[in-house]
Amino acid sequence: MKLLRLMLMLPTLLPLSACALSGGPVVGQVVEEGTQKPVPGATVVVRWIGRTTSGSWFVEARDVCYHVETAVTDERGQYKTAAWTQEQSKDYTLKYHSLRVDAYKPGYGLPTKPSEKEEIVYLATFKGTTTERLEYLSRISGTSSCGSRNDSEKNLIPMRKALYEEAKTLAQTEREKQIVEVFLYGLEIIELGFETAEKRHLQRIGR
């Protein structure tokens, strides 16, 4: 399984051209920590992280998310993302650095320790209060974001919708409903664009 995953990733390990970026499919499995049972119906976000470089001494190299894909696990807890290609910005050179994978499903949270196998993602049964759950959802929303500002950002919509739907069922107090509004606002920015999302957000909060 690990060898297969690395073979599928091979295109991303090659030097990137000056005009295009690409990545092969990524496969893996989400399992429950402790029981090792597969977790079906989990939303998985895979982000390609690259290091920017330029010819200027005044521009510091930094790591950025330049592409994101999502997938949903099957009955065996397995997922596979699509292969992709996109144009690269002419302002700098971007080289492949690493993959980061996050998984989410209602009722589950982060494991007590990360998986030692690259192709396996652990989720643990969530135990906590409503407030703690909303804080967790906010954290997942932040850590799974990409900010690539390209078409791949729309691939985050399934994750953002799932987080919003769960948060909406939990919110009772005014403070909790404000958190839900933040989820909806972030979702609509990706779906509808900033201007439309901002207008709808202001209408909802009465401004």
C-alpha atoms as a PDB file:
ATOM      1  CA  MET A   1       0.000   0.000   0.000  1.00  0.00           C
ATOM      2  CA  LYS A   2       2.767   2.429   0.929  1.00  0.00           C
ATOM      3  CA  LEU A   3       4.702   1.581  -2.233  1.00  0.00           C
ATOM      4  CA  LEU A   4       1.562   2.098  -4.332  1.00  0.00           C
ATOM      5  CA  ARG A   5       0.962   5.469  -2.721  1.00  0.00           C
ATOM      6  CA  LEU A   6       4.534   6.582  -3.391  1.00  0.00           C
ATOM      7  CA  MET A   7       4.313   5.421  -7.008  1.00  0.00           C
ATOM      8  CA  LEU A   8       1.131   7.411  -7.519  1.00  0.00           C
ATOM      9  CA  MET A   9       2.792  10.461  -5.977  1.00  0.00           C
ATOM     10  CA  LEU A  10       5.879  10.178  -8.177  1.00  0.00           C
ATOM     11  CA  PRO A  11       4.934  12.984 -10.601  1.00  0.00           C
ATOM     12  CA  THR A  12       4.913  15.453  -7.681  1.00  0.00           C
ATOM     13  CA  LEU A  13       8.439  14.503  -6.687  1.00  0.00           C
ATOM     14  CA  LEU A  14       9.941  15.617  -9.988  1.00  0.00           C
ATOM     15  CA  PRO A  15      11.238  19.182 -10.517  1.00  0.00           C
ATOM     16  CA  LEU A  16       8.383  21.488 -11.401  1.00  0.00           C
ATOM     17  CA  SER A  17       8.499  23.361 -14.669  1.00  0.00           C
ATOM     18  CA  ALA A  18       8.421  27.126 -14.902  1.00  0.00           C
ATOM     19  CA  CYS A  19       4.911  27.131 -16.363  1.00  0.00           C
ATOM     20  CA  ALA A  20       2.954  24.284 -14.759  1.00  0.00           C
ATOM     21  CA  LEU A  21       2.495  22.288 -11.579  1.00  0.00           C
ATOM     22  CA  SER A  22       1.099  18.773 -11.369  1.00  0.00           C
ATOM     23  CA  GLY A  23       0.361  15.978  -8.953  1.00  0.00           C
ATOM     24  CA  GLY A  24      -0.629  12.349  -9.212  1.00  0.00           C
ATOM     25  CA  PRO A  25      -3.431  10.624  -7.273  1.00  0.00           C
ATOM     26  CA  VAL A  26      -2.930  10.112  -3.539  1.00  0.00           C
ATOM     27  CA  VAL A  27      -4.387   7.005  -1.905  1.00  0.00           C
ATOM     28  CA  GLY A  28      -4.722   6.074   1.746  1.00  0.00           C
ATOM     29  CA  GLN A  29      -7.034   4.914   4.494  1.00  0.00           C
ATOM     30  CA  VAL A  30      -8.709   6.507   7.513  1.00  0.00           C
ATOM     31  CA  VAL A  31      -9.015   4.232  10.541  1.00  0.00           C
ATOM     32  CA  GLU A  32     -10.211   4.576  14.115  1.00  0.00           C
ATOM     33  CA  GLU A  33      -7.436   4.919  16.645  1.00  0.00           C
ATOM     34  CA  GLY A  34      -7.220   1.956  18.995  1.00  0.00           C
ATOM     35  CA  THR A  35      -9.692  -0.329  17.219  1.00  0.00           C
ATOM     36  CA  GLN A  36      -8.076   0.000  13.765  1.00  0.00           C
ATOM     37  CA  LYS A  37     -11.578  -0.149  12.268  1.00  0.00           C
ATOM     38  CA  PRO A  38     -12.019   1.658   8.935  1.00  0.00           C
ATOM     39  CA  VAL A  39     -13.873   4.986   9.067  1.00  0.00           C
ATOM     40  CA  PRO A  40     -16.237   5.231   6.084  1.00  0.00           C
ATOM     41  CA  GLY A  41     -17.745   8.560   5.004  1.00  0.00           C
ATOM     42  CA  ALA A  42     -14.832  10.655   6.295  1.00  0.00           C
ATOM     43  CA  THR A  43     -13.889  13.773   4.340  1.00  0.00           C
ATOM     44  CA  VAL A  44     -10.190  13.861   3.532  1.00  0.00           C
ATOM     45  CA  VAL A  45      -8.274  16.992   2.521  1.00  0.00           C
ATOM     46  CA  VAL A  46      -4.879  16.575   0.843  1.00  0.00           C
ATOM     47  CA  ARG A  47      -2.728  19.687   0.461  1.00  0.00           C
ATOM     48  CA  TRP A  48       0.399  20.044  -1.644  1.00  0.00           C
ATOM     49  CA  ILE A  49       2.906  22.269   0.157  1.00  0.00           C
ATOM     50  CA  GLY A  50       5.709  23.893  -1.812  1.00  0.00           C
ATOM     51  CA  ARG A  51       8.600  26.225  -1.139  1.00  0.00           C
ATOM     52  CA  THR A  52       8.628  29.513  -3.015  1.00  0.00           C
ATOM     53  CA  THR A  53      11.875  30.865  -4.395  1.00  0.00           C
ATOM     54  CA  SER A  54      12.739  33.908  -6.481  1.00  0.00           C
ATOM     55  CA  GLY A  55      15.753  35.653  -7.895  1.00  0.00           C
ATOM     56  CA  SER A  56      15.538  38.474  -5.372  1.00  0.00           C
ATOM     57  CA  TRP A  57      17.678  38.600  -2.215  1.00  0.00           C
ATOM     58  CA  PHE A  58      14.845  40.525  -0.559  1.00  0.00           C
ATOM     59  CA  VAL A  59      12.223  37.785  -0.925  1.00  0.00           C
ATOM     60  CA  GLU A  60      12.444  35.122   1.755  1.00  0.00           C
ATOM     61  CA  ALA A  61      11.650  31.544   0.752  1.00  0.00           C
ATOM     62  CA  ARG A  62       8.524  30.242   2.471  1.00  0.00           C
ATOM     63  CA  ASP A  63       6.221  27.231   2.445  1.00  0.00           C
ATOM     64  CA  VAL A  64       2.793  27.685   0.859  1.00  0.00           C
ATOM     65  CA  CYS A  65      -0.145  25.471  -0.054  1.00  0.00           C
ATOM     66  CA  TYR A  66      -0.366  25.543  -3.829  1.00  0.00           C
ATOM     67  CA  HIS A  67      -3.003  22.869  -4.474  1.00  0.00           C
ATOM     68  CA  VAL A  68      -5.719  21.066  -2.539  1.00  0.00           C
ATOM     69  CA  GLU A  69      -7.884  18.018  -3.294  1.00  0.00           C
ATOM     70  CA  THR A  70     -10.607  16.328  -1.271  1.00  0.00           C
ATOM     71  CA  ALA A  71     -12.051  12.827  -1.226  1.00  0.00           C
ATOM     72  CA  VAL A  72     -14.534  10.795   0.827  1.00  0.00           C
ATOM     73  CA  THR A  73     -13.621   7.402   2.256  1.00  0.00           C
ATOM     74  CA  ASP A  74     -15.477   4.299   1.096  1.00  0.00           C
ATOM     75  CA  GLU A  75     -16.820   1.465   3.257  1.00  0.00           C
ATOM     76  CA  ARG A  76     -13.245   0.248   3.813  1.00  0.00           C
ATOM     77  CA  GLY A  77     -12.131   3.692   4.926  1.00  0.00           C
ATOM     78  CA  GLN A  78     -10.066   4.105   1.772  1.00  0.00           C
ATOM     79  CA  TYR A  79      -9.761   7.282  -0.307  1.00  0.00           C
ATOM     80  CA  LYS A  80      -8.149   8.388  -3.550  1.00  0.00           C
ATOM     81  CA  THR A  81      -7.706  11.939  -4.823  1.00  0.00           C
ATOM     82  CA  ALA A  82      -7.669  12.952  -8.469  1.00  0.00           C
ATOM     83  CA  ALA A  83      -4.575  13.749 -10.519  1.00  0.00           C
ATOM     84  CA  TRP A  84      -4.236  17.438 -11.410  1.00  0.00           C
ATOM     85  CA  THR A  85      -2.308  20.057 -13.374  1.00  0.00           C
ATOM     86  CA  GLN A  86      -2.353  23.833 -12.993  1.00  0.00           C
ATOM     87  CA  GLU A  87      -0.470  26.859 -14.257  1.00  0.00           C
ATOM     88  CA  GLN A  88       2.251  28.284 -12.047  1.00  0.00           C
ATOM     89  CA  SER A  89       2.670  31.946 -11.208  1.00  0.00           C
ATOM     90  CA  LYS A  90       5.400  33.704 -13.178  1.00  0.00           C
ATOM     91  CA  ASP A  91       6.393  35.778 -10.156  1.00  0.00           C
ATOM     92  CA  TYR A  92       8.280  32.977  -8.436  1.00  0.00           C
ATOM     93  CA  THR A  93       9.366  29.360  -8.709  1.00  0.00           C
ATOM     94  CA  LEU A  94       7.572  26.758  -6.598  1.00  0.00           C
ATOM     95  CA  LYS A  95       9.087  23.395  -5.790  1.00  0.00           C
ATOM     96  CA  TYR A  96       7.376  20.377  -4.268  1.00  0.00           C
ATOM     97  CA  HIS A  97       8.004  20.083  -0.540  1.00  0.00           C
ATOM     98  CA  SER A  98       5.479  17.823   1.208  1.00  0.00           C
ATOM     99  CA  LEU A  99       1.923  16.514   1.440  1.00  0.00           C
ATOM    100  CA  ARG A 100      -0.362  17.227   4.376  1.00  0.00           C
ATOM    101  CA  VAL A 101      -3.473  15.162   4.968  1.00  0.00           C
ATOM    102  CA  ASP A 102      -6.406  15.985   7.266  1.00  0.00           C
ATOM    103  CA  ALA A 103      -9.539  13.915   7.855  1.00  0.00           C
ATOM    104  CA  TYR A 104     -12.897  14.822   9.385  1.00  0.00           C
ATOM    105  CA  LYS A 105     -16.102  13.049  10.324  1.00  0.00           C
ATOM    106  CA  PRO A 106     -18.830  13.988  12.832  1.00  0.00           C
ATOM    107  CA  GLY A 107     -18.244  12.237  16.143  1.00  0.00           C
ATOM    108  CA  TYR A 108     -14.501  11.978  15.610  1.00  0.00           C
ATOM    109  CA  GLY A 109     -11.538  14.134  16.578  1.00  0.00           C
ATOM    110  CA  LEU A 110      -7.757  14.109  16.394  1.00  0.00           C
ATOM    111  CA  PRO A 111      -5.881  10.998  17.612  1.00  0.00           C
ATOM    112  CA  THR A 112      -3.686  11.020  20.701  1.00  0.00           C
ATOM    113  CA  LYS A 113      -0.663  10.471  18.461  1.00  0.00           C
ATOM    114  CA  PRO A 114      -0.138  10.586  14.681  1.00  0.00           C
ATOM    115  CA  SER A 115       0.043   7.471  12.565  1.00  0.00           C
ATOM    116  CA  GLU A 116       3.506   6.027  11.952  1.00  0.00           C
ATOM    117  CA  LYS A 117       2.435   4.901   8.476  1.00  0.00           C
ATOM    118  CA  GLU A 118       2.326   7.574   5.806  1.00  0.00           C
ATOM    119  CA  GLU A 119      -0.717   6.084   4.063  1.00  0.00           C
ATOM    120  CA  ILE A 120      -2.813   5.759   7.256  1.00  0.00           C
ATOM    121  CA  VAL A 121      -4.739   8.598   8.911  1.00  0.00           C
ATOM    122  CA  TYR A 122      -6.108   8.120  12.433  1.00  0.00           C
ATOM    123  CA  LEU A 123      -9.293   9.595  13.864  1.00  0.00           C
ATOM    124  CA  ALA A 124     -10.358   9.124  17.476  1.00  0.00           C
ATOM    125  CA  THR A 125     -13.834   9.158  19.013  1.00  0.00           C
ATOM    126  CA  PHE A 126     -14.451  12.711  20.197  1.00  0.00           C
ATOM    127  CA  LYS A 127     -15.140  13.199  23.883  1.00  0.00           C
ATOM    128  CA  GLY A 128     -15.849  16.744  24.963  1.00  0.00           C
ATOM    129  CA  THR A 129     -18.399  19.499  25.457  1.00  0.00           C
ATOM    130  CA  THR A 130     -20.279  21.392  22.769  1.00  0.00           C
ATOM    131  CA  THR A 131     -17.943  24.348  23.248  1.00  0.00           C
ATOM    132  CA  GLU A 132     -14.903  22.106  22.862  1.00  0.00           C
ATOM    133  CA  ARG A 133     -16.399  20.554  19.740  1.00  0.00           C
ATOM    134  CA  LEU A 134     -16.991  23.943  18.119  1.00  0.00           C
ATOM    135  CA  GLU A 135     -13.423  24.927  18.970  1.00  0.00           C
ATOM    136  CA  TYR A 136     -12.228  21.716  17.361  1.00  0.00           C
ATOM    137  CA  LEU A 137     -14.253  22.377  14.200  1.00  0.00           C
ATOM    138  CA  SER A 138     -12.753  25.865  13.989  1.00  0.00           C
ATOM    139  CA  ARG A 139      -9.264  24.423  14.354  1.00  0.00           C
ATOM    140  CA  ILE A 140      -9.869  21.847  11.618  1.00  0.00           C
ATOM    141  CA  SER A 141     -11.221  24.563   9.328  1.00  0.00           C
ATOM    142  CA  GLY A 142      -8.030  26.550   9.819  1.00  0.00           C
ATOM    143  CA  THR A 143      -5.512  23.732   9.531  1.00  0.00           C
ATOM    144  CA  SER A 144      -7.142  22.307   6.386  1.00  0.00           C
ATOM    145  CA  SER A 145      -7.259  25.633   4.528  1.00  0.00           C
ATOM    146  CA  CYS A 146      -5.049  26.261   1.525  1.00  0.00           C
ATOM    147  CA  GLY A 147      -5.184  29.930   0.506  1.00  0.00           C
ATOM    148  CA  SER A 148      -3.859  29.028  -2.937  1.00  0.00           C
ATOM    149  CA  ARG A 149      -6.263  31.468  -4.589  1.00  0.00           C
ATOM    150  CA  ASN A 150      -6.705  29.221  -7.605  1.00  0.00           C
ATOM    151  CA  ASP A 151      -9.445  26.923  -8.828  1.00  0.00           C
ATOM    152  CA  SER A 152      -8.356  24.123  -6.499  1.00  0.00           C
ATOM    153  CA  GLU A 153      -9.584  26.136  -3.506  1.00  0.00           C
ATOM    154  CA  LYS A 154     -13.125  25.158  -4.506  1.00  0.00           C
ATOM    155  CA  ASN A 155     -12.181  21.573  -3.692  1.00  0.00           C
ATOM    156  CA  LEU A 156     -12.439  22.612  -0.035  1.00  0.00           C
ATOM    157  CA  ILE A 157     -16.194  23.163  -0.370  1.00  0.00           C
ATOM    158  CA  PRO A 158     -17.186  19.611   0.753  1.00  0.00           C
ATOM    159  CA  MET A 159     -15.118  19.953   3.938  1.00  0.00           C
ATOM    160  CA  ARG A 160     -16.349  23.474   4.671  1.00  0.00           C
ATOM    161  CA  LYS A 161     -19.980  22.412   4.115  1.00  0.00           C
ATOM    162  CA  ALA A 162     -19.588  19.436   6.429  1.00  0.00           C
ATOM    163  CA  LEU A 163     -18.054  21.586   9.183  1.00  0.00           C
ATOM    164  CA  TYR A 164     -20.794  24.199   8.802  1.00  0.00           C
ATOM    165  CA  GLU A 165     -23.590  21.608   8.922  1.00  0.00           C
ATOM    166  CA  GLU A 166     -22.259  20.029  12.108  1.00  0.00           C
ATOM    167  CA  ALA A 167     -21.645  23.403  13.767  1.00  0.00           C
ATOM    168  CA  LYS A 168     -25.197  24.463  12.906  1.00  0.00           C
ATOM    169  CA  THR A 169     -26.663  21.467  14.731  1.00  0.00           C
ATOM    170  CA  LEU A 170     -24.599  22.216  17.845  1.00  0.00           C
ATOM    171  CA  ALA A 171     -25.060  25.974  18.284  1.00  0.00           C
ATOM    172  CA  GLN A 172     -27.425  27.077  21.051  1.00  0.00           C
ATOM    173  CA  THR A 173     -26.080  30.301  22.535  1.00  0.00           C
ATOM    174  CA  GLU A 174     -25.554  33.595  20.714  1.00  0.00           C
ATOM    175  CA  ARG A 175     -21.797  33.129  20.905  1.00  0.00           C
ATOM    176  CA  GLU A 176     -22.078  29.666  19.362  1.00  0.00           C
ATOM    177  CA  LYS A 177     -24.325  31.005  16.586  1.00  0.00           C
ATOM    178  CA  GLN A 178     -21.686  33.635  15.813  1.00  0.00           C
ATOM    179  CA  ILE A 179     -19.182  30.829  15.321  1.00  0.00           C
ATOM    180  CA  VAL A 180     -21.601  29.154  12.897  1.00  0.00           C
ATOM    181  CA  GLU A 181     -21.831  32.423  10.961  1.00  0.00           C
ATOM    182  CA  VAL A 182     -18.047  32.414  10.595  1.00  0.00           C
ATOM    183  CA  PHE A 183     -18.243  28.923   9.067  1.00  0.00           C
ATOM    184  CA  LEU A 184     -20.957  30.013   6.629  1.00  0.00           C
ATOM    185  CA  TYR A 185     -19.084  33.180   5.694  1.00  0.00           C
ATOM    186  CA  GLY A 186     -15.901  31.240   4.950  1.00  0.00           C
ATOM    187  CA  LEU A 187     -17.837  28.680   2.894  1.00  0.00           C
ATOM    188  CA  GLU A 188     -19.544  31.368   0.803  1.00  0.00           C
ATOM    189  CA  ILE A 189     -16.256  33.158   0.108  1.00  0.00           C
ATOM    190  CA  ILE A 190     -15.077  30.006  -1.676  1.00  0.00           C
ATOM    191  CA  GLU A 191     -18.438  29.266  -3.299  1.00  0.00           C
ATOM    192  CA  LEU A 192     -19.561  32.751  -4.328  1.00  0.00           C
ATOM    193  CA  GLY A 193     -16.523  35.019  -4.166  1.00  0.00           C
ATOM    194  CA  PHE A 194     -15.556  37.612  -1.575  1.00  0.00           C
ATOM    195  CA  GLU A 195     -17.871  40.472  -2.614  1.00  0.00           C
ATOM    196  CA  THR A 196     -21.052  38.377  -2.704  1.00  0.00           C
ATOM    197  CA  ALA A 197     -20.123  36.546   0.491  1.00  0.00           C
ATOM    198  CA  GLU A 198     -19.392  39.827   2.271  1.00  0.00           C
ATOM    199  CA  LYS A 199     -22.751  41.275   1.206  1.00  0.00           C
ATOM    200  CA  ARG A 200     -24.678  38.213   2.402  1.00  0.00           C
ATOM    201  CA  HIS A 201     -22.722  38.154   5.661  1.00  0.00           C
ATOM    202  CA  LEU A 202     -23.535  41.819   6.421  1.00  0.00           C
ATOM    203  CA  GLN A 203     -27.203  41.214   5.632  1.00  0.00           C
ATOM    204  CA  ARG A 204     -27.354  38.283   8.039  1.00  0.00           C
ATOM    205  CA  ILE A 205     -25.763  40.200  10.911  1.00  0.00           C
ATOM    206  CA  GLY A 206     -27.921  43.269  10.262  1.00  0.00           C
ATOM    207  CA  ARG A 207     -25.360  45.742   8.939  1.00  0.00           C
END
